[in-house]
Amino acid sequence: MFKVFITSRVLERIARDVNRPAERIGLLMGVLDDGSLWVNDIIPAGVEMSEVHCVFPPRHLAQVANDIVEGRIQGRIVGWYHSHPGHGLFLSQTDLDTHMQFHQFSPYALSLVADPKSGEFGVWNYENGLGVVQLPSNYIHII
């Protein structure tokens, strides 16, 4: 496991984005530095789907990728976040599949789930031999 540093600004922006009755989704932006992952920005998808389903629009994702290549967005995609309004902190099978899509690009990929009704969030990563596991709180540092 590795340490994850998340800025309080990122958590505030996620909290504002997910504070709705429907699920929300977005990208986590950051850098890998000396074996630790630093999450310093988000890119919200800007769409609501339903209480139990959300999708990052492919056209928007392509624009984000282009903006990274062209230098208009700093950092790299280090994972994704989404909400489970009133449903708690867990990864569904769809969430696990999504996580593994991110993992194929980086073993440091994160999944962050926020429940706006409880005000809680959890962070998951893939661990060899264990699969996708929730990171213990002592591995998550809010700065």
Foldseek 3Di string as FASTA:
>chain_A
DAFEEEEVVALVVVLVQCLDQFKWKWFFFFAQDPRYTYTYHIGTLPDGDGLPDDDRDPVVVVVVVVCVVVVVDDGGGQEMEMENAVPDEDADPVNLVRQVVSCVVPQRHKYKYAHSVVRDIWIWGQDPPPGIDTDPPVRYHYD
